[in-house]
Amino acid sequence: PERFDLTYTNSAGAEERPVMIHRAILGSLERFIGVLIEHTGGVLPLWLAPEQVRVLSLSEKVETYAGEVTGLLRREGFRAHADIRNEKLGFKVREAELAKVPYMVVVGEREAADRSVSLRLLRGEKSNAMPLAALVELLKKEPIPA
């Protein structure tokens, strides 16, 4: 206000100099997020990823089970979504990888019968079938910075 000699007329009719408060919190946050995404190539840690888990169904027969798994993960506090479209698994995996989803949970008829899941990580690692409780424990053990 001093640099531009700014004034205003207050309710009493007297001229006053306005007070200017400058904060760059959002600009700093935007720059930080930009640097973080550039540094990590968009592969964010589990705790920071917008979508943490994507449940991929192999067929229409297991849509209900995929919804159950997604609901369980959401109740446990994870950001999970189900992909129950009638598409091939490779297509669904590719889309999840492009979206940089850290964990892909694959469910088929065998997994639905056993009440288990197969896990696939964004890093390309795959696992054998595991019980739902083991999946939840694995996700909860992911490191979170203090």
N, C-alpha and C. Protein backbone atom coordinates (compact mmCIF):
# COMPACT_ATOMS: atom_id res chain seq x y z
N PRO A 1 0.80 -1.21 0.00
CA PRO A 1 0.00 0.00 0.00
C PRO A 1 0.85 1.28 0.00
N GLU A 2 2.00 1.24 0.70
CA GLU A 2 2.85 2.43 0.72
C GLU A 2 3.47 2.69 -0.65
N ARG A 3 3.88 1.64 -1.31
CA ARG A 3 4.55 1.78 -2.60
C ARG A 3 3.65 2.44 -3.65
N PHE A 4 2.34 2.13 -3.58
CA PHE A 4 1.41 2.71 -4.55
C PHE A 4 0.59 3.86 -3.95
N ASP A 5 0.94 4.25 -2.73
CA ASP A 5 0.26 5.35 -2.04
C ASP A 5 -1.25 5.11 -2.01
N LEU A 6 -1.64 3.89 -1.60
CA LEU A 6 -3.05 3.53 -1.56
C LEU A 6 -3.71 4.07 -0.30
N THR A 7 -4.92 4.57 -0.45
CA THR A 7 -5.72 5.01 0.70
C THR A 7 -7.18 4.68 0.42
N TYR A 8 -7.97 4.69 1.47
CA TYR A 8 -9.42 4.55 1.34
C TYR A 8 -10.07 5.44 2.38
N THR A 9 -11.33 5.72 2.18
CA THR A 9 -12.07 6.57 3.11
C THR A 9 -12.85 5.66 4.03
N ASN A 10 -12.59 5.79 5.34
CA ASN A 10 -13.28 4.94 6.31
C ASN A 10 -14.68 5.46 6.60
N SER A 11 -15.39 4.81 7.49
CA SER A 11 -16.78 5.19 7.79
C SER A 11 -16.89 6.56 8.43
N ALA A 12 -15.81 7.05 9.05
CA ALA A 12 -15.81 8.37 9.67
C ALA A 12 -15.46 9.46 8.66
N GLY A 13 -15.14 9.08 7.44
CA GLY A 13 -14.80 10.05 6.41
C GLY A 13 -13.32 10.39 6.34
N ALA A 14 -12.50 9.74 7.13
CA ALA A 14 -11.06 10.01 7.14
C ALA A 14 -10.35 9.02 6.21
N GLU A 15 -9.28 9.48 5.61
CA GLU A 15 -8.50 8.59 4.74
C GLU A 15 -7.56 7.74 5.58
N GLU A 16 -7.49 6.45 5.22
CA GLU A 16 -6.60 5.51 5.92
C GLU A 16 -5.86 4.68 4.89
N ARG A 17 -4.71 4.19 5.31
CA ARG A 17 -3.94 3.31 4.44
C ARG A 17 -4.39 1.86 4.71
N PRO A 18 -4.71 1.12 3.64
CA PRO A 18 -5.13 -0.28 3.86
C PRO A 18 -3.96 -1.14 4.34
N VAL A 19 -4.30 -2.22 4.98
CA VAL A 19 -3.30 -3.18 5.43
C VAL A 19 -3.31 -4.34 4.45
N MET A 20 -2.13 -4.73 4.00
CA MET A 20 -2.05 -5.82 3.04
C MET A 20 -1.37 -7.02 3.72
N ILE A 21 -2.04 -8.15 3.65
CA ILE A 21 -1.47 -9.39 4.21
C ILE A 21 -1.16 -10.30 3.03
N HIS A 22 0.09 -10.69 2.93
CA HIS A 22 0.51 -11.54 1.80
C HIS A 22 0.91 -12.90 2.34
N ARG A 23 0.25 -13.94 1.84
CA ARG A 23 0.60 -15.31 2.20
C ARG A 23 0.68 -16.12 0.92
N ALA A 24 1.67 -16.93 0.80
CA ALA A 24 1.85 -17.75 -0.41
C ALA A 24 1.72 -19.23 -0.09
N ILE A 25 0.82 -19.56 0.83
CA ILE A 25 0.69 -20.94 1.25
C ILE A 25 0.28 -21.84 0.08
N LEU A 26 -0.76 -21.46 -0.64
CA LEU A 26 -1.23 -22.32 -1.72
C LEU A 26 -0.22 -22.39 -2.85
N GLY A 27 0.42 -21.29 -3.17
CA GLY A 27 1.45 -21.33 -4.21
C GLY A 27 2.58 -22.25 -3.82
N SER A 28 2.98 -22.20 -2.56
CA SER A 28 4.05 -23.08 -2.09
C SER A 28 3.62 -24.53 -2.14
N LEU A 29 2.38 -24.79 -1.78
CA LEU A 29 1.86 -26.15 -1.80
C LEU A 29 1.82 -26.68 -3.24
N GLU A 30 1.36 -25.84 -4.16
CA GLU A 30 1.32 -26.27 -5.56
C GLU A 30 2.71 -26.58 -6.09
N ARG A 31 3.68 -25.74 -5.74
CA ARG A 31 5.05 -26.00 -6.19
C ARG A 31 5.58 -27.30 -5.57
N PHE A 32 5.29 -27.52 -4.30
CA PHE A 32 5.74 -28.74 -3.62
C PHE A 32 5.15 -29.97 -4.29
N ILE A 33 3.84 -29.96 -4.58
CA ILE A 33 3.20 -31.11 -5.21
C ILE A 33 3.76 -31.33 -6.60
N GLY A 34 4.01 -30.26 -7.34
CA GLY A 34 4.61 -30.39 -8.67
C GLY A 34 5.98 -31.04 -8.61
N VAL A 35 6.80 -30.61 -7.65
CA VAL A 35 8.14 -31.19 -7.49
C VAL A 35 8.03 -32.66 -7.07
N LEU A 36 7.10 -32.97 -6.16
CA LEU A 36 6.92 -34.34 -5.70
C LEU A 36 6.50 -35.26 -6.85
N ILE A 37 5.54 -34.82 -7.66
CA ILE A 37 5.08 -35.64 -8.78
C ILE A 37 6.20 -35.82 -9.80
N GLU A 38 6.94 -34.75 -10.05
CA GLU A 38 8.04 -34.86 -11.00
C GLU A 38 9.13 -35.80 -10.47
N HIS A 39 9.43 -35.71 -9.20
CA HIS A 39 10.48 -36.53 -8.59
C HIS A 39 10.10 -38.02 -8.57
N THR A 40 8.82 -38.31 -8.29
CA THR A 40 8.38 -39.70 -8.17
C THR A 40 7.84 -40.26 -9.48
N GLY A 41 7.75 -39.44 -10.51
CA GLY A 41 7.18 -39.91 -11.77
C GLY A 41 5.70 -40.23 -11.64
N GLY A 42 5.04 -39.65 -10.65
CA GLY A 42 3.61 -39.89 -10.43
C GLY A 42 3.32 -41.12 -9.60
N VAL A 43 4.35 -41.90 -9.27
CA VAL A 43 4.15 -43.10 -8.45
C VAL A 43 4.27 -42.67 -6.99
N LEU A 44 3.13 -42.31 -6.41
CA LEU A 44 3.10 -41.81 -5.04
C LEU A 44 3.04 -42.97 -4.05
N PRO A 45 3.54 -42.76 -2.83
CA PRO A 45 3.42 -43.81 -1.82
C PRO A 45 1.94 -44.07 -1.50
N LEU A 46 1.66 -45.22 -0.94
CA LEU A 46 0.28 -45.63 -0.68
C LEU A 46 -0.49 -44.58 0.09
N TRP A 47 0.08 -44.01 1.12
CA TRP A 47 -0.64 -43.08 1.97
C TRP A 47 -1.02 -41.79 1.25
N LEU A 48 -0.32 -41.48 0.15
CA LEU A 48 -0.55 -40.23 -0.56
C LEU A 48 -1.29 -40.42 -1.89
N ALA A 49 -1.37 -41.65 -2.37
CA ALA A 49 -2.00 -41.92 -3.67
C ALA A 49 -3.50 -41.60 -3.61
N PRO A 50 -4.03 -40.91 -4.62
CA PRO A 50 -5.47 -40.60 -4.62
C PRO A 50 -6.33 -41.87 -4.64
N GLU A 51 -5.93 -42.85 -5.41
CA GLU A 51 -6.60 -44.16 -5.43
C GLU A 51 -5.56 -45.17 -4.98
N GLN A 52 -5.81 -45.80 -3.84
CA GLN A 52 -4.82 -46.70 -3.26
C GLN A 52 -4.94 -48.12 -3.78
N VAL A 53 -6.16 -48.58 -3.97
CA VAL A 53 -6.40 -49.97 -4.38
C VAL A 53 -7.48 -49.99 -5.46
N ARG A 54 -7.24 -50.77 -6.51
CA ARG A 54 -8.27 -50.99 -7.52
C ARG A 54 -8.56 -52.48 -7.57
N VAL A 55 -9.82 -52.83 -7.37
CA VAL A 55 -10.25 -54.23 -7.40
C VAL A 55 -10.69 -54.55 -8.82
N LEU A 56 -10.03 -55.54 -9.43
CA LEU A 56 -10.29 -55.91 -10.82
C LEU A 56 -11.01 -57.25 -10.87
N SER A 57 -12.20 -57.26 -11.44
CA SER A 57 -12.95 -58.52 -11.55
C SER A 57 -12.61 -59.20 -12.88
N LEU A 58 -12.54 -60.52 -12.85
CA LEU A 58 -12.22 -61.29 -14.06
C LEU A 58 -13.44 -61.52 -14.94
N SER A 59 -14.63 -61.56 -14.32
CA SER A 59 -15.84 -61.80 -15.11
C SER A 59 -17.03 -61.20 -14.39
N GLU A 60 -18.17 -61.23 -15.08
CA GLU A 60 -19.40 -60.71 -14.49
C GLU A 60 -19.86 -61.56 -13.31
N LYS A 61 -19.43 -62.80 -13.26
CA LYS A 61 -19.86 -63.71 -12.19
C LYS A 61 -19.34 -63.28 -10.82
N VAL A 62 -18.27 -62.51 -10.79
CA VAL A 62 -17.66 -62.14 -9.51
C VAL A 62 -17.82 -60.65 -9.20
N GLU A 63 -18.74 -59.98 -9.89
CA GLU A 63 -18.96 -58.55 -9.62
C GLU A 63 -19.36 -58.30 -8.18
N THR A 64 -20.23 -59.14 -7.66
CA THR A 64 -20.70 -58.98 -6.27
C THR A 64 -19.54 -59.11 -5.30
N TYR A 65 -18.70 -60.12 -5.51
CA TYR A 65 -17.55 -60.32 -4.63
C TYR A 65 -16.58 -59.15 -4.74
N ALA A 66 -16.35 -58.63 -5.94
CA ALA A 66 -15.48 -57.47 -6.12
C ALA A 66 -16.03 -56.28 -5.35
N GLY A 67 -17.35 -56.10 -5.37
CA GLY A 67 -17.98 -55.04 -4.59
C GLY A 67 -17.80 -55.24 -3.09
N GLU A 68 -17.89 -56.50 -2.64
CA GLU A 68 -17.68 -56.79 -1.21
C GLU A 68 -16.25 -56.45 -0.79
N VAL A 69 -15.28 -56.84 -1.61
CA VAL A 69 -13.87 -56.57 -1.30
C VAL A 69 -13.64 -55.06 -1.25
N THR A 70 -14.20 -54.34 -2.22
CA THR A 70 -14.05 -52.89 -2.25
C THR A 70 -14.68 -52.27 -1.01
N GLY A 71 -15.87 -52.73 -0.65
CA GLY A 71 -16.54 -52.21 0.55
C GLY A 71 -15.74 -52.46 1.81
N LEU A 72 -15.16 -53.65 1.93
CA LEU A 72 -14.33 -53.97 3.09
C LEU A 72 -13.13 -53.03 3.17
N LEU A 73 -12.46 -52.83 2.04
CA LEU A 73 -11.28 -51.96 2.03
C LEU A 73 -11.66 -50.53 2.38
N ARG A 74 -12.80 -50.07 1.89
CA ARG A 74 -13.25 -48.71 2.23
C ARG A 74 -13.57 -48.59 3.71
N ARG A 75 -14.21 -49.61 4.27
CA ARG A 75 -14.51 -49.58 5.72
C ARG A 75 -13.23 -49.56 6.54
N GLU A 76 -12.18 -50.15 6.02
CA GLU A 76 -10.89 -50.16 6.72
C GLU A 76 -10.13 -48.85 6.52
N GLY A 77 -10.69 -47.93 5.72
CA GLY A 77 -10.09 -46.61 5.57
C GLY A 77 -9.25 -46.41 4.33
N PHE A 78 -9.30 -47.34 3.39
CA PHE A 78 -8.51 -47.22 2.17
C PHE A 78 -9.35 -46.61 1.05
N ARG A 79 -8.69 -45.90 0.16
CA ARG A 79 -9.36 -45.33 -1.01
C ARG A 79 -9.33 -46.40 -2.11
N ALA A 80 -10.42 -47.14 -2.21
CA ALA A 80 -10.50 -48.28 -3.12
C ALA A 80 -11.66 -48.10 -4.09
N HIS A 81 -11.46 -48.60 -5.30
CA HIS A 81 -12.49 -48.57 -6.34
C HIS A 81 -12.53 -49.94 -7.02
N ALA A 82 -13.70 -50.30 -7.51
CA ALA A 82 -13.85 -51.58 -8.22
C ALA A 82 -13.97 -51.31 -9.72
N ASP A 83 -13.28 -52.11 -10.50
CA ASP A 83 -13.39 -52.06 -11.95
C ASP A 83 -14.08 -53.34 -12.38
N ILE A 84 -15.40 -53.26 -12.57
CA ILE A 84 -16.18 -54.46 -12.89
C ILE A 84 -16.67 -54.42 -14.33
N ARG A 85 -16.02 -53.62 -15.16
CA ARG A 85 -16.40 -53.55 -16.57
C ARG A 85 -16.13 -54.88 -17.27
N ASN A 86 -16.83 -55.11 -18.33
CA ASN A 86 -16.67 -56.33 -19.10
C ASN A 86 -15.50 -56.14 -20.08
N GLU A 87 -14.30 -56.07 -19.55
CA GLU A 87 -13.07 -55.90 -20.33
C GLU A 87 -12.10 -57.00 -19.94
N LYS A 88 -11.08 -57.20 -20.75
CA LYS A 88 -10.06 -58.19 -20.45
C LYS A 88 -9.20 -57.70 -19.29
N LEU A 89 -8.65 -58.66 -18.54
CA LEU A 89 -7.84 -58.31 -17.37
C LEU A 89 -6.63 -57.47 -17.76
N GLY A 90 -5.97 -57.82 -18.85
CA GLY A 90 -4.80 -57.06 -19.28
C GLY A 90 -5.12 -55.60 -19.52
N PHE A 91 -6.29 -55.32 -20.08
CA PHE A 91 -6.72 -53.94 -20.33
C PHE A 91 -6.93 -53.21 -19.01
N LYS A 92 -7.58 -53.88 -18.05
CA LYS A 92 -7.83 -53.27 -16.75
C LYS A 92 -6.52 -53.00 -16.00
N VAL A 93 -5.60 -53.96 -16.07
CA VAL A 93 -4.30 -53.79 -15.40
C VAL A 93 -3.55 -52.62 -16.03
N ARG A 94 -3.56 -52.55 -17.33
CA ARG A 94 -2.87 -51.45 -18.02
C ARG A 94 -3.44 -50.09 -17.61
N GLU A 95 -4.76 -49.98 -17.54
CA GLU A 95 -5.37 -48.72 -17.12
C GLU A 95 -5.00 -48.37 -15.69
N ALA A 96 -4.99 -49.36 -14.80
CA ALA A 96 -4.61 -49.11 -13.40
C ALA A 96 -3.15 -48.69 -13.31
N GLU A 97 -2.29 -49.30 -14.13
CA GLU A 97 -0.88 -48.93 -14.13
C GLU A 97 -0.68 -47.51 -14.65
N LEU A 98 -1.42 -47.13 -15.68
CA LEU A 98 -1.32 -45.77 -16.20
C LEU A 98 -1.83 -44.75 -15.19
N ALA A 99 -2.82 -45.15 -14.38
CA ALA A 99 -3.34 -44.27 -13.33
C ALA A 99 -2.46 -44.29 -12.09
N LYS A 100 -1.39 -45.10 -12.11
CA LYS A 100 -0.42 -45.20 -11.01
C LYS A 100 -1.06 -45.66 -9.70
N VAL A 101 -2.00 -46.61 -9.80
CA VAL A 101 -2.63 -47.17 -8.60
C VAL A 101 -1.64 -48.15 -7.98
N PRO A 102 -1.25 -47.95 -6.70
CA PRO A 102 -0.21 -48.80 -6.11
C PRO A 102 -0.56 -50.28 -6.00
N TYR A 103 -1.81 -50.61 -5.67
CA TYR A 103 -2.21 -52.00 -5.48
C TYR A 103 -3.39 -52.34 -6.38
N MET A 104 -3.26 -53.46 -7.10
CA MET A 104 -4.36 -53.99 -7.90
C MET A 104 -4.73 -55.34 -7.31
N VAL A 105 -6.00 -55.49 -6.97
CA VAL A 105 -6.49 -56.73 -6.38
C VAL A 105 -7.34 -57.42 -7.43
N VAL A 106 -6.93 -58.62 -7.82
CA VAL A 106 -7.62 -59.37 -8.85
C VAL A 106 -8.50 -60.43 -8.19
N VAL A 107 -9.79 -60.45 -8.60
CA VAL A 107 -10.71 -61.45 -8.07
C VAL A 107 -11.36 -62.19 -9.23
N GLY A 108 -11.35 -63.50 -9.11
CA GLY A 108 -11.99 -64.38 -10.08
C GLY A 108 -12.89 -65.36 -9.36
N GLU A 109 -13.35 -66.36 -10.07
CA GLU A 109 -14.26 -67.34 -9.46
C GLU A 109 -13.59 -68.13 -8.35
N ARG A 110 -12.31 -68.49 -8.57
CA ARG A 110 -11.58 -69.25 -7.54
C ARG A 110 -11.43 -68.42 -6.27
N GLU A 111 -11.05 -67.14 -6.43
CA GLU A 111 -10.89 -66.27 -5.27
C GLU A 111 -12.22 -66.04 -4.56
N ALA A 112 -13.29 -65.89 -5.32
CA ALA A 112 -14.61 -65.68 -4.71
C ALA A 112 -15.02 -66.91 -3.90
N ALA A 113 -14.74 -68.10 -4.43
CA ALA A 113 -15.10 -69.33 -3.71
C ALA A 113 -14.28 -69.48 -2.43
N ASP A 114 -12.99 -69.07 -2.49
CA ASP A 114 -12.11 -69.21 -1.33
C ASP A 114 -12.15 -67.99 -0.41
N ARG A 115 -12.88 -66.95 -0.81
CA ARG A 115 -12.91 -65.67 -0.08
C ARG A 115 -11.49 -65.13 0.08
N SER A 116 -10.78 -65.10 -1.05
CA SER A 116 -9.41 -64.62 -1.08
C SER A 116 -9.24 -63.65 -2.24
N VAL A 117 -8.02 -63.14 -2.43
CA VAL A 117 -7.71 -62.23 -3.53
C VAL A 117 -6.31 -62.52 -4.04
N SER A 118 -6.04 -62.11 -5.28
CA SER A 118 -4.68 -62.14 -5.81
C SER A 118 -4.22 -60.70 -5.91
N LEU A 119 -3.00 -60.46 -5.52
CA LEU A 119 -2.48 -59.10 -5.45
C LEU A 119 -1.47 -58.85 -6.54
N ARG A 120 -1.52 -57.67 -7.12
CA ARG A 120 -0.56 -57.25 -8.13
C ARG A 120 -0.14 -55.83 -7.77
N LEU A 121 1.16 -55.60 -7.69
CA LEU A 121 1.67 -54.28 -7.33
C LEU A 121 1.99 -53.47 -8.57
N LEU A 122 1.98 -52.17 -8.43
CA LEU A 122 2.31 -51.29 -9.53
C LEU A 122 3.72 -51.56 -10.03
N ARG A 123 4.59 -52.00 -9.15
CA ARG A 123 5.98 -52.30 -9.52
C ARG A 123 6.08 -53.58 -10.35
N GLY A 124 4.95 -54.25 -10.62
CA GLY A 124 4.94 -55.45 -11.46
C GLY A 124 4.97 -56.74 -10.68
N GLU A 125 5.15 -56.68 -9.37
CA GLU A 125 5.19 -57.91 -8.57
C GLU A 125 3.78 -58.50 -8.47
N LYS A 126 3.73 -59.83 -8.44
CA LYS A 126 2.46 -60.54 -8.30
C LYS A 126 2.57 -61.45 -7.09
N SER A 127 1.44 -61.80 -6.52
CA SER A 127 1.45 -62.74 -5.40
C SER A 127 0.43 -63.83 -5.66
N ASN A 128 0.55 -64.89 -4.90
CA ASN A 128 -0.45 -65.95 -4.95
C ASN A 128 -1.69 -65.47 -4.21
N ALA A 129 -2.73 -66.28 -4.25
CA ALA A 129 -3.96 -65.92 -3.55
C ALA A 129 -3.69 -65.78 -2.05
N MET A 130 -4.33 -64.78 -1.46
CA MET A 130 -4.19 -64.56 -0.02
C MET A 130 -5.57 -64.23 0.55
N PRO A 131 -5.79 -64.56 1.82
CA PRO A 131 -7.07 -64.23 2.44
C PRO A 131 -7.27 -62.71 2.52
N LEU A 132 -8.51 -62.29 2.58
CA LEU A 132 -8.81 -60.86 2.68
C LEU A 132 -8.15 -60.22 3.89
N ALA A 133 -8.17 -60.91 5.02
CA ALA A 133 -7.57 -60.36 6.24
C ALA A 133 -6.08 -60.11 6.05
N ALA A 134 -5.40 -61.00 5.32
CA ALA A 134 -3.97 -60.82 5.07
C ALA A 134 -3.73 -59.60 4.19
N LEU A 135 -4.61 -59.36 3.23
CA LEU A 135 -4.48 -58.18 2.38
C LEU A 135 -4.62 -56.90 3.21
N VAL A 136 -5.62 -56.86 4.07
CA VAL A 136 -5.83 -55.67 4.91
C VAL A 136 -4.62 -55.43 5.80
N GLU A 137 -4.08 -56.49 6.40
CA GLU A 137 -2.90 -56.34 7.26
C GLU A 137 -1.69 -55.85 6.46
N LEU A 138 -1.51 -56.38 5.25
CA LEU A 138 -0.41 -55.95 4.39
C LEU A 138 -0.52 -54.46 4.08
N LEU A 139 -1.72 -54.01 3.74
CA LEU A 139 -1.91 -52.59 3.42
C LEU A 139 -1.70 -51.71 4.65
N LYS A 140 -2.11 -52.19 5.81
CA LYS A 140 -1.94 -51.39 7.03
C LYS A 140 -0.48 -51.29 7.45
N LYS A 141 0.34 -52.24 7.01
CA LYS A 141 1.77 -52.22 7.38
C LYS A 141 2.60 -51.30 6.49
N GLU A 142 1.98 -50.73 5.44
CA GLU A 142 2.70 -49.81 4.56
C GLU A 142 3.25 -48.66 5.39
N PRO A 143 4.50 -48.28 5.15
CA PRO A 143 5.09 -47.21 5.96
C PRO A 143 4.41 -45.86 5.70
N ILE A 144 4.16 -45.15 6.79
CA ILE A 144 3.60 -43.80 6.74
C ILE A 144 4.59 -42.90 7.47
N PRO A 145 5.03 -41.82 6.84
CA PRO A 145 5.99 -40.94 7.51
C PRO A 145 5.40 -40.29 8.75
N ALA A 146 6.23 -40.12 9.73
CA ALA A 146 5.76 -39.53 11.01
C ALA A 146 5.70 -38.03 10.92
